[in-house]
């Protein structure tokens, strides 16, 4: 049981690190961004612009991670953080989900 708990912890930290990378790219584009850990333990990133918001999660396991919206839209892999940041900017500006 100890290895399963530690594996889960490692995956949560990896997802957090990937979301922080996206957070950095979104801050470069001067968006209002917040990374937080809700009660369920999964890290999420919330983007706000002109009364509209979008929530992004990092999904995956075993080294294969991707950015996904809370509505289930796949945005891209974590290696494409800059592209995903521009896509999110476009989505928030045009109020699209």
PDB file of N, CA and C in Angstrom:
ATOM      1  N   UNK A   1       0.809  -1.197   0.000  1.00  0.00           N
ATOM      2  CA  UNK A   1       0.000   0.000   0.000  1.00  0.00           C
ATOM      3  C   UNK A   1       0.855   1.264   0.000  1.00  0.00           C
ATOM      4  N   UNK A   2       2.003   1.178   0.598  1.00  0.00           N
ATOM      5  CA  UNK A   2       2.846   2.351   0.692  1.00  0.00           C
ATOM      6  C   UNK A   2       3.308   2.814  -0.685  1.00  0.00           C
ATOM      7  N   UNK A   3       3.621   1.902  -1.589  1.00  0.00           N
ATOM      8  CA  UNK A   3       4.087   2.300  -2.917  1.00  0.00           C
ATOM      9  C   UNK A   3       2.961   2.909  -3.740  1.00  0.00           C
ATOM     10  N   UNK A   4       1.734   2.417  -3.551  1.00  0.00           N
ATOM     11  CA  UNK A   4       0.618   2.994  -4.288  1.00  0.00           C
ATOM     12  C   UNK A   4       0.369   4.434  -3.841  1.00  0.00           C
ATOM     13  N   UNK A   5       0.435   4.701  -2.550  1.00  0.00           N
ATOM     14  CA  UNK A   5       0.233   6.050  -2.036  1.00  0.00           C
ATOM     15  C   UNK A   5       1.345   6.976  -2.500  1.00  0.00           C
ATOM     16  N   UNK A   6       2.575   6.498  -2.512  1.00  0.00           N
ATOM     17  CA  UNK A   6       3.680   7.350  -2.943  1.00  0.00           C
ATOM     18  C   UNK A   6       3.624   7.603  -4.447  1.00  0.00           C
ATOM     19  N   UNK A   7       3.164   6.618  -5.234  1.00  0.00           N
ATOM     20  CA  UNK A   7       3.009   6.818  -6.678  1.00  0.00           C
ATOM     21  C   UNK A   7       1.958   7.870  -6.948  1.00  0.00           C
ATOM     22  N   UNK A   8       0.861   7.822  -6.204  1.00  0.00           N
ATOM     23  CA  UNK A   8      -0.184   8.818  -6.361  1.00  0.00           C
ATOM     24  C   UNK A   8       0.331  10.216  -6.027  1.00  0.00           C
ATOM     25  N   UNK A   9       1.124  10.310  -4.983  1.00  0.00           N
ATOM     26  CA  UNK A   9       1.684  11.588  -4.573  1.00  0.00           C
ATOM     27  C   UNK A   9       2.631  12.140  -5.644  1.00  0.00           C
ATOM     28  N   UNK A  10       3.429  11.267  -6.235  1.00  0.00           N
ATOM     29  CA  UNK A  10       4.352  11.680  -7.285  1.00  0.00           C
ATOM     30  C   UNK A  10       3.569  12.194  -8.493  1.00  0.00           C
ATOM     31  N   UNK A  11       2.482  11.511  -8.857  1.00  0.00           N
ATOM     32  CA  UNK A  11       1.668  11.957  -9.988  1.00  0.00           C
ATOM     33  C   UNK A  11       1.010  13.305  -9.710  1.00  0.00           C
ATOM     34  N   UNK A  12       0.524  13.518  -8.486  1.00  0.00           N
ATOM     35  CA  UNK A  12      -0.066  14.812  -8.140  1.00  0.00           C
ATOM     36  C   UNK A  12       0.967  15.927  -8.237  1.00  0.00           C
ATOM     37  N   UNK A  13       2.182  15.668  -7.771  1.00  0.00           N
ATOM     38  CA  UNK A  13       3.240  16.678  -7.860  1.00  0.00           C
ATOM     39  C   UNK A  13       3.629  16.951  -9.316  1.00  0.00           C
ATOM     40  N   UNK A  14       3.637  15.912 -10.128  1.00  0.00           N
ATOM     41  CA  UNK A  14       3.959  16.085 -11.554  1.00  0.00           C
ATOM     42  C   UNK A  14       2.893  16.927 -12.241  1.00  0.00           C
ATOM     43  N   UNK A  15       1.635  16.666 -11.948  1.00  0.00           N
ATOM     44  CA  UNK A  15       0.542  17.460 -12.524  1.00  0.00           C
ATOM     45  C   UNK A  15       0.632  18.909 -12.073  1.00  0.00           C
ATOM     46  N   UNK A  16       0.972  19.116 -10.803  1.00  0.00           N
ATOM     47  CA  UNK A  16       1.109  20.477 -10.283  1.00  0.00           C
ATOM     48  C   UNK A  16       2.236  21.208 -11.011  1.00  0.00           C
ATOM     49  N   UNK A  17       3.348  20.546 -11.227  1.00  0.00           N
ATOM     50  CA  UNK A  17       4.477  21.161 -11.921  1.00  0.00           C
ATOM     51  C   UNK A  17       4.084  21.535 -13.355  1.00  0.00           C
ATOM     52  N   UNK A  18       3.334  20.683 -14.020  1.00  0.00           N
ATOM     53  CA  UNK A  18       2.904  20.970 -15.397  1.00  0.00           C
ATOM     54  C   UNK A  18       1.927  22.142 -15.428  1.00  0.00           C
ATOM     55  N   UNK A  19       1.029  22.218 -14.442  1.00  0.00           N
ATOM     56  CA  UNK A  19       0.100  23.350 -14.384  1.00  0.00           C
ATOM     57  C   UNK A  19       0.832  24.657 -14.077  1.00  0.00           C
ATOM     58  N   UNK A  20       1.867  24.578 -13.257  1.00  0.00           N
ATOM     59  CA  UNK A  20       2.650  25.784 -12.967  1.00  0.00           C
ATOM     60  C   UNK A  20       3.392  26.266 -14.215  1.00  0.00           C
ATOM     61  N   UNK A  21       3.811  25.351 -15.059  1.00  0.00           N
ATOM     62  CA  UNK A  21       4.438  25.729 -16.337  1.00  0.00           C
ATOM     63  C   UNK A  21       3.443  26.481 -17.214  1.00  0.00           C
ATOM     64  N   UNK A  22       2.197  25.983 -17.286  1.00  0.00           N
ATOM     65  CA  UNK A  22       1.158  26.665 -18.048  1.00  0.00           C
ATOM     66  C   UNK A  22       0.815  28.006 -17.403  1.00  0.00           C
ATOM     67  N   UNK A  23       0.822  28.046 -16.077  1.00  0.00           N
ATOM     68  CA  UNK A  23       0.575  29.288 -15.344  1.00  0.00           C
ATOM     69  C   UNK A  23       1.594  30.354 -15.746  1.00  0.00           C
ATOM     70  N   UNK A  24       2.844  29.963 -15.829  1.00  0.00           N
ATOM     71  CA  UNK A  24       3.903  30.884 -16.240  1.00  0.00           C
ATOM     72  C   UNK A  24       3.637  31.441 -17.644  1.00  0.00           C
ATOM     73  N   UNK A  25       3.261  30.572 -18.575  1.00  0.00           N
ATOM     74  CA  UNK A  25       3.000  31.012 -19.950  1.00  0.00           C
ATOM     75  C   UNK A  25       1.793  31.942 -20.016  1.00  0.00           C
ATOM     76  N   UNK A  26       0.770  31.664 -19.232  1.00  0.00           N
ATOM     77  CA  UNK A  26      -0.418  32.527 -19.232  1.00  0.00           C
ATOM     78  C   UNK A  26      -0.122  33.878 -18.593  1.00  0.00           C
ATOM     79  N   UNK A  27       0.721  33.900 -17.582  1.00  0.00           N
ATOM     80  CA  UNK A  27       1.111  35.183 -16.965  1.00  0.00           C
ATOM     81  C   UNK A  27       1.920  36.029 -17.950  1.00  0.00           C
ATOM     82  N   UNK A  28       2.705  35.369 -18.798  1.00  0.00           N
ATOM     83  CA  UNK A  28       3.442  36.091 -19.835  1.00  0.00           C
ATOM     84  C   UNK A  28       2.490  36.791 -20.796  1.00  0.00           C
ATOM     85  N   UNK A  29       1.314  36.188 -21.024  1.00  0.00           N
ATOM     86  CA  UNK A  29       0.303  36.781 -21.897  1.00  0.00           C
ATOM     87  C   UNK A  29      -0.596  37.754 -21.142  1.00  0.00           C
ATOM     88  N   UNK A  30      -0.260  38.027 -19.877  1.00  0.00           N
ATOM     89  CA  UNK A  30      -0.941  39.002 -19.021  1.00  0.00           C
ATOM     90  C   UNK A  30      -2.401  38.655 -18.763  1.00  0.00           C
ATOM     91  N   UNK A  31      -2.658  37.394 -18.490  1.00  0.00           N
ATOM     92  CA  UNK A  31      -3.991  36.948 -18.105  1.00  0.00           C
ATOM     93  C   UNK A  31      -4.068  36.795 -16.592  1.00  0.00           C
ATOM     94  N   UNK A  32      -5.269  36.915 -16.060  1.00  0.00           N
ATOM     95  CA  UNK A  32      -5.495  36.685 -14.645  1.00  0.00           C
ATOM     96  C   UNK A  32      -5.631  35.178 -14.421  1.00  0.00           C
ATOM     97  N   UNK A  33      -4.658  34.595 -13.724  1.00  0.00           N
ATOM     98  CA  UNK A  33      -4.585  33.146 -13.571  1.00  0.00           C
ATOM     99  C   UNK A  33      -4.361  32.801 -12.109  1.00  0.00           C
ATOM    100  N   UNK A  34      -4.980  31.686 -11.694  1.00  0.00           N
ATOM    101  CA  UNK A  34      -4.808  31.224 -10.325  1.00  0.00           C
ATOM    102  C   UNK A  34      -4.703  29.704 -10.316  1.00  0.00           C
ATOM    103  N   UNK A  35      -3.719  29.187  -9.602  1.00  0.00           N
ATOM    104  CA  UNK A  35      -3.568  27.744  -9.436  1.00  0.00           C
ATOM    105  C   UNK A  35      -3.947  27.417  -8.006  1.00  0.00           C
ATOM    106  N   UNK A  36      -4.831  26.437  -7.861  1.00  0.00           N
ATOM    107  CA  UNK A  36      -5.231  26.065  -6.508  1.00  0.00           C
ATOM    108  C   UNK A  36      -5.479  24.569  -6.403  1.00  0.00           C
ATOM    109  N   UNK A  37      -5.490  24.120  -5.189  1.00  0.00           N
ATOM    110  CA  UNK A  37      -5.746  22.713  -4.909  1.00  0.00           C
ATOM    111  C   UNK A  37      -7.091  22.597  -4.181  1.00  0.00           C
ATOM    112  N   UNK A  38      -8.116  22.132  -4.874  1.00  0.00           N
ATOM    113  CA  UNK A  38      -9.419  21.999  -4.227  1.00  0.00           C
ATOM    114  C   UNK A  38      -9.427  20.855  -3.213  1.00  0.00           C
ATOM    115  N   UNK A  39     -10.544  20.656  -2.599  1.00  0.00           N
ATOM    116  CA  UNK A  39     -10.644  19.647  -1.544  1.00  0.00           C
ATOM    117  C   UNK A  39     -10.402  18.230  -2.040  1.00  0.00           C
ATOM    118  N   UNK A  40     -10.704  17.963  -3.305  1.00  0.00           N
ATOM    119  CA  UNK A  40     -10.502  16.601  -3.808  1.00  0.00           C
ATOM    120  C   UNK A  40      -9.026  16.282  -4.052  1.00  0.00           C
ATOM    121  N   UNK A  41      -8.140  17.268  -3.920  1.00  0.00           N
ATOM    122  CA  UNK A  41      -6.710  17.030  -4.035  1.00  0.00           C
ATOM    123  C   UNK A  41      -6.140  17.220  -5.427  1.00  0.00           C
ATOM    124  N   UNK A  42      -6.976  17.442  -6.425  1.00  0.00           N
ATOM    125  CA  UNK A  42      -6.495  17.642  -7.796  1.00  0.00           C
ATOM    126  C   UNK A  42      -6.237  19.122  -8.041  1.00  0.00           C
ATOM    127  N   UNK A  43      -5.046  19.403  -8.540  1.00  0.00           N
ATOM    128  CA  UNK A  43      -4.689  20.784  -8.829  1.00  0.00           C
ATOM    129  C   UNK A  43      -5.448  21.267 -10.057  1.00  0.00           C
ATOM    130  N   UNK A  44      -5.875  22.525 -10.040  1.00  0.00           N
ATOM    131  CA  UNK A  44      -6.555  23.092 -11.201  1.00  0.00           C
ATOM    132  C   UNK A  44      -6.099  24.537 -11.380  1.00  0.00           C
ATOM    133  N   UNK A  45      -6.265  25.011 -12.573  1.00  0.00           N
ATOM    134  CA  UNK A  45      -5.839  26.354 -12.949  1.00  0.00           C
ATOM    135  C   UNK A  45      -7.072  27.082 -13.460  1.00  0.00           C
ATOM    136  N   UNK A  46      -7.345  28.265 -12.948  1.00  0.00           N
ATOM    137  CA  UNK A  46      -8.502  29.030 -13.373  1.00  0.00           C
ATOM    138  C   UNK A  46      -8.049  30.319 -14.036  1.00  0.00           C
ATOM    139  N   UNK A  47      -8.594  30.569 -15.227  1.00  0.00           N
ATOM    140  CA  UNK A  47      -8.272  31.756 -16.007  1.00  0.00           C
ATOM    141  C   UNK A  47      -9.500  32.648 -16.030  1.00  0.00           C
ATOM    142  N   UNK A  48      -9.323  33.929 -15.766  1.00  0.00           N
ATOM    143  CA  UNK A  48     -10.434  34.877 -15.782  1.00  0.00           C
ATOM    144  C   UNK A  48     -10.116  36.030 -16.724  1.00  0.00           C
ATOM    145  N   UNK A  49     -11.163  36.464 -17.445  1.00  0.00           N
ATOM    146  CA  UNK A  49     -11.010  37.605 -18.340  1.00  0.00           C
ATOM    147  C   UNK A  49     -12.392  38.156 -18.672  1.00  0.00           C
ATOM    148  N   UNK A  50     -12.645  39.412 -18.336  1.00  0.00           N
ATOM    149  CA  UNK A  50     -13.898  40.113 -18.657  1.00  0.00           C
ATOM    150  C   UNK A  50     -15.140  39.341 -18.231  1.00  0.00           C
ATOM    151  N   UNK A  51     -15.161  38.852 -17.014  1.00  0.00           N
ATOM    152  CA  UNK A  51     -16.326  38.154 -16.502  1.00  0.00           C
ATOM    153  C   UNK A  51     -16.484  36.723 -16.989  1.00  0.00           C
ATOM    154  N   UNK A  52     -15.518  36.198 -17.685  1.00  0.00           N
ATOM    155  CA  UNK A  52     -15.561  34.834 -18.210  1.00  0.00           C
ATOM    156  C   UNK A  52     -14.404  34.065 -17.620  1.00  0.00           C
ATOM    157  N   UNK A  53     -14.632  32.788 -17.313  1.00  0.00           N
ATOM    158  CA  UNK A  53     -13.542  32.000 -16.748  1.00  0.00           C
ATOM    159  C   UNK A  53     -13.501  30.622 -17.388  1.00  0.00           C
ATOM    160  N   UNK A  54     -12.347  30.014 -17.300  1.00  0.00           N
ATOM    161  CA  UNK A  54     -12.134  28.658 -17.805  1.00  0.00           C
ATOM    162  C   UNK A  54     -11.247  27.931 -16.807  1.00  0.00           C
ATOM    163  N   UNK A  55     -11.574  26.680 -16.535  1.00  0.00           N
ATOM    164  CA  UNK A  55     -10.797  25.857 -15.610  1.00  0.00           C
ATOM    165  C   UNK A  55     -10.047  24.799 -16.403  1.00  0.00           C
ATOM    166  N   UNK A  56      -8.761  24.654 -16.099  1.00  0.00           N
ATOM    167  CA  UNK A  56      -7.908  23.699 -16.803  1.00  0.00           C
ATOM    168  C   UNK A  56      -7.305  22.731 -15.789  1.00  0.00           C
ATOM    169  N   UNK A  57      -7.304  21.458 -16.152  1.00  0.00           N
ATOM    170  CA  UNK A  57      -6.719  20.410 -15.329  1.00  0.00           C
ATOM    171  C   UNK A  57      -5.602  19.730 -16.110  1.00  0.00           C
ATOM    172  N   UNK A  58      -4.723  19.068 -15.412  1.00  0.00           N
ATOM    173  CA  UNK A  58      -3.687  18.263 -16.054  1.00  0.00           C
ATOM    174  C   UNK A  58      -4.074  16.805 -15.846  1.00  0.00           C
ATOM    175  N   UNK A  59      -4.318  16.104 -16.932  1.00  0.00           N
ATOM    176  CA  UNK A  59      -4.771  14.713 -16.859  1.00  0.00           C
ATOM    177  C   UNK A  59      -3.704  13.785 -17.415  1.00  0.00           C
ATOM    178  N   UNK A  60      -3.750  12.539 -16.993  1.00  0.00           N
ATOM    179  CA  UNK A  60      -2.829  11.543 -17.515  1.00  0.00           C
ATOM    180  C   UNK A  60      -2.120  10.807 -16.401  1.00  0.00           C
ATOM    181  N   UNK A  61      -1.236   9.919 -16.803  1.00  0.00           N
ATOM    182  CA  UNK A  61      -0.454   9.131 -15.843  1.00  0.00           C
ATOM    183  C   UNK A  61       0.716   8.488 -16.572  1.00  0.00           C
ATOM    184  N   UNK A  62       1.653   7.973 -15.808  1.00  0.00           N
ATOM    185  CA  UNK A  62       2.813   7.249 -16.335  1.00  0.00           C
ATOM    186  C   UNK A  62       3.606   8.058 -17.358  1.00  0.00           C
ATOM    187  N   UNK A  63       3.767   9.339 -17.111  1.00  0.00           N
ATOM    188  CA  UNK A  63       4.595  10.158 -17.984  1.00  0.00           C
ATOM    189  C   UNK A  63       3.885  10.746 -19.192  1.00  0.00           C
ATOM    190  N   UNK A  64       2.630  10.416 -19.422  1.00  0.00           N
ATOM    191  CA  UNK A  64       1.868  10.959 -20.553  1.00  0.00           C
ATOM    192  C   UNK A  64       0.780  11.868 -19.998  1.00  0.00           C
ATOM    193  N   UNK A  65       1.026  13.179 -20.035  1.00  0.00           N
ATOM    194  CA  UNK A  65       0.094  14.145 -19.464  1.00  0.00           C
ATOM    195  C   UNK A  65      -0.403  15.089 -20.548  1.00  0.00           C
ATOM    196  N   UNK A  66      -1.625  15.602 -20.334  1.00  0.00           N
ATOM    197  CA  UNK A  66      -2.233  16.539 -21.280  1.00  0.00           C
ATOM    198  C   UNK A  66      -3.061  17.552 -20.503  1.00  0.00           C
ATOM    199  N   UNK A  67      -3.280  18.712 -21.107  1.00  0.00           N
ATOM    200  CA  UNK A  67      -4.128  19.735 -20.521  1.00  0.00           C
ATOM    201  C   UNK A  67      -5.551  19.521 -21.013  1.00  0.00           C
ATOM    202  N   UNK A  68      -6.513  19.569 -20.072  1.00  0.00           N
ATOM    203  CA  UNK A  68      -7.920  19.314 -20.371  1.00  0.00           C
ATOM    204  C   UNK A  68      -8.750  20.363 -19.644  1.00  0.00           C
ATOM    205  N   UNK A  69      -9.806  20.871 -20.293  1.00  0.00           N
ATOM    206  CA  UNK A  69     -10.702  21.802 -19.614  1.00  0.00           C
ATOM    207  C   UNK A  69     -11.624  21.019 -18.692  1.00  0.00           C
ATOM    208  N   UNK A  70     -12.297  21.732 -17.804  1.00  0.00           N
ATOM    209  CA  UNK A  70     -13.241  21.089 -16.896  1.00  0.00           C
ATOM    210  C   UNK A  70     -14.431  20.511 -17.650  1.00  0.00           C
ATOM    211  N   UNK A  71     -14.677  21.009 -18.853  1.00  0.00           N
ATOM    212  CA  UNK A  71     -15.774  20.509 -19.682  1.00  0.00           C
ATOM    213  C   UNK A  71     -15.355  19.314 -20.534  1.00  0.00           C
ATOM    214  N   UNK A  72     -14.089  18.921 -20.440  1.00  0.00           N
ATOM    215  CA  UNK A  72     -13.631  17.726 -21.137  1.00  0.00           C
ATOM    216  C   UNK A  72     -12.955  17.967 -22.479  1.00  0.00           C
ATOM    217  N   UNK A  73     -12.673  19.208 -22.827  1.00  0.00           N
ATOM    218  CA  UNK A  73     -12.010  19.489 -24.094  1.00  0.00           C
ATOM    219  C   UNK A  73     -10.496  19.307 -23.949  1.00  0.00           C
ATOM    220  N   UNK A  74      -9.925  18.484 -24.804  1.00  0.00           N
ATOM    221  CA  UNK A  74      -8.488  18.248 -24.805  1.00  0.00           C
ATOM    222  C   UNK A  74      -7.796  19.420 -25.486  1.00  0.00           C
ATOM    223  N   UNK A  75      -6.882  20.070 -24.771  1.00  0.00           N
ATOM    224  CA  UNK A  75      -6.205  21.258 -25.305  1.00  0.00           C
ATOM    225  C   UNK A  75      -4.878  20.928 -25.959  1.00  0.00           C
ATOM    226  N   UNK A  76      -4.146  19.991 -25.430  1.00  0.00           N
ATOM    227  CA  UNK A  76      -2.853  19.615 -25.982  1.00  0.00           C
ATOM    228  C   UNK A  76      -1.990  18.953 -24.937  1.00  0.00           C
ATOM    229  N   UNK A  77      -0.843  18.461 -25.374  1.00  0.00           N
ATOM    230  CA  UNK A  77       0.071  17.804 -24.443  1.00  0.00           C
ATOM    231  C   UNK A  77       0.800  18.844 -23.601  1.00  0.00           C
ATOM    232  N   UNK A  78       1.429  18.382 -22.542  1.00  0.00           N
ATOM    233  CA  UNK A  78       2.114  19.311 -21.649  1.00  0.00           C
ATOM    234  C   UNK A  78       3.400  19.860 -22.266  1.00  0.00           C
ATOM    235  N   UNK A  79       3.883  19.238 -23.334  1.00  0.00           N
ATOM    236  CA  UNK A  79       5.067  19.770 -24.000  1.00  0.00           C
ATOM    237  C   UNK A  79       4.720  20.981 -24.865  1.00  0.00           C
ATOM    238  N   UNK A  80       3.436  21.233 -25.085  1.00  0.00           N
ATOM    239  CA  UNK A  80       2.973  22.356 -25.909  1.00  0.00           C
ATOM    240  C   UNK A  80       2.375  23.457 -25.037  1.00  0.00           C
ATOM    241  N   UNK A  81       3.011  23.805 -23.936  1.00  0.00           N
ATOM    242  CA  UNK A  81       2.446  24.762 -22.980  1.00  0.00           C
ATOM    243  C   UNK A  81       2.216  26.130 -23.612  1.00  0.00           C
ATOM    244  N   UNK A  82       3.124  26.581 -24.440  1.00  0.00           N
ATOM    245  CA  UNK A  82       2.973  27.899 -25.063  1.00  0.00           C
ATOM    246  C   UNK A  82       1.786  27.917 -26.034  1.00  0.00           C
ATOM    247  N   UNK A  83       1.628  26.860 -26.813  1.00  0.00           N
ATOM    248  CA  UNK A  83       0.495  26.748 -27.734  1.00  0.00           C
ATOM    249  C   UNK A  83      -0.827  26.692 -26.960  1.00  0.00           C
ATOM    250  N   UNK A  84      -0.866  25.917 -25.892  1.00  0.00           N
ATOM    251  CA  UNK A  84      -2.082  25.794 -25.082  1.00  0.00           C
ATOM    252  C   UNK A  84      -2.427  27.134 -24.441  1.00  0.00           C
ATOM    253  N   UNK A  85      -1.422  27.892 -24.003  1.00  0.00           N
ATOM    254  CA  UNK A  85      -1.665  29.210 -23.418  1.00  0.00           C
ATOM    255  C   UNK A  85      -2.308  30.146 -24.435  1.00  0.00           C
ATOM    256  N   UNK A  86      -1.812  30.147 -25.667  1.00  0.00           N
ATOM    257  CA  UNK A  86      -2.413  30.993 -26.702  1.00  0.00           C
ATOM    258  C   UNK A  86      -3.826  30.533 -27.036  1.00  0.00           C
ATOM    259  N   UNK A  87      -4.051  29.232 -27.053  1.00  0.00           N
ATOM    260  CA  UNK A  87      -5.388  28.690 -27.305  1.00  0.00           C
ATOM    261  C   UNK A  87      -6.356  29.111 -26.199  1.00  0.00           C
ATOM    262  N   UNK A  88      -5.920  29.052 -24.956  1.00  0.00           N
ATOM    263  CA  UNK A  88      -6.776  29.471 -23.850  1.00  0.00           C
ATOM    264  C   UNK A  88      -7.069  30.966 -23.901  1.00  0.00           C
ATOM    265  N   UNK A  89      -6.093  31.752 -24.286  1.00  0.00           N
ATOM    266  CA  UNK A  89      -6.315  33.189 -24.458  1.00  0.00           C
ATOM    267  C   UNK A  89      -7.394  33.421 -25.506  1.00  0.00           C
ATOM    268  N   UNK A  90      -7.306  32.722 -26.609  1.00  0.00           N
ATOM    269  CA  UNK A  90      -8.299  32.833 -27.675  1.00  0.00           C
ATOM    270  C   UNK A  90      -9.687  32.420 -27.174  1.00  0.00           C
ATOM    271  N   UNK A  91      -9.751  31.315 -26.427  1.00  0.00           N
ATOM    272  CA  UNK A  91     -11.039  30.830 -25.904  1.00  0.00           C
ATOM    273  C   UNK A  91     -11.666  31.822 -24.937  1.00  0.00           C
ATOM    274  N   UNK A  92     -10.868  32.374 -24.042  1.00  0.00           N
ATOM    275  CA  UNK A  92     -11.398  33.288 -23.029  1.00  0.00           C
ATOM    276  C   UNK A  92     -11.810  34.620 -23.651  1.00  0.00           C
ATOM    277  N   UNK A  93     -11.036  35.118 -24.607  1.00  0.00           N
ATOM    278  CA  UNK A  93     -11.393  36.373 -25.268  1.00  0.00           C
ATOM    279  C   UNK A  93     -12.684  36.259 -26.061  1.00  0.00           C
ATOM    280  N   UNK A  94     -12.925  35.123 -26.657  1.00  0.00           N
ATOM    281  CA  UNK A  94     -14.127  34.921 -27.476  1.00  0.00           C
ATOM    282  C   UNK A  94     -15.247  34.223 -26.741  1.00  0.00           C
ATOM    283  N   UNK A  95     -15.026  33.978 -25.445  1.00  0.00           N
ATOM    284  CA  UNK A  95     -16.018  33.340 -24.580  1.00  0.00           C
ATOM    285  C   UNK A  95     -16.520  32.032 -25.166  1.00  0.00           C
ATOM    286  N   UNK A  96     -15.582  31.163 -25.514  1.00  0.00           N
ATOM    287  CA  UNK A  96     -15.922  29.869 -26.074  1.00  0.00           C
ATOM    288  C   UNK A  96     -15.491  28.766 -25.126  1.00  0.00           C
ATOM    289  N   UNK A  97     -16.277  27.712 -25.066  1.00  0.00           N
ATOM    290  CA  UNK A  97     -15.922  26.560 -24.236  1.00  0.00           C
ATOM    291  C   UNK A  97     -15.559  25.430 -25.103  1.00  0.00           C
TER     292      UNK A  97
END
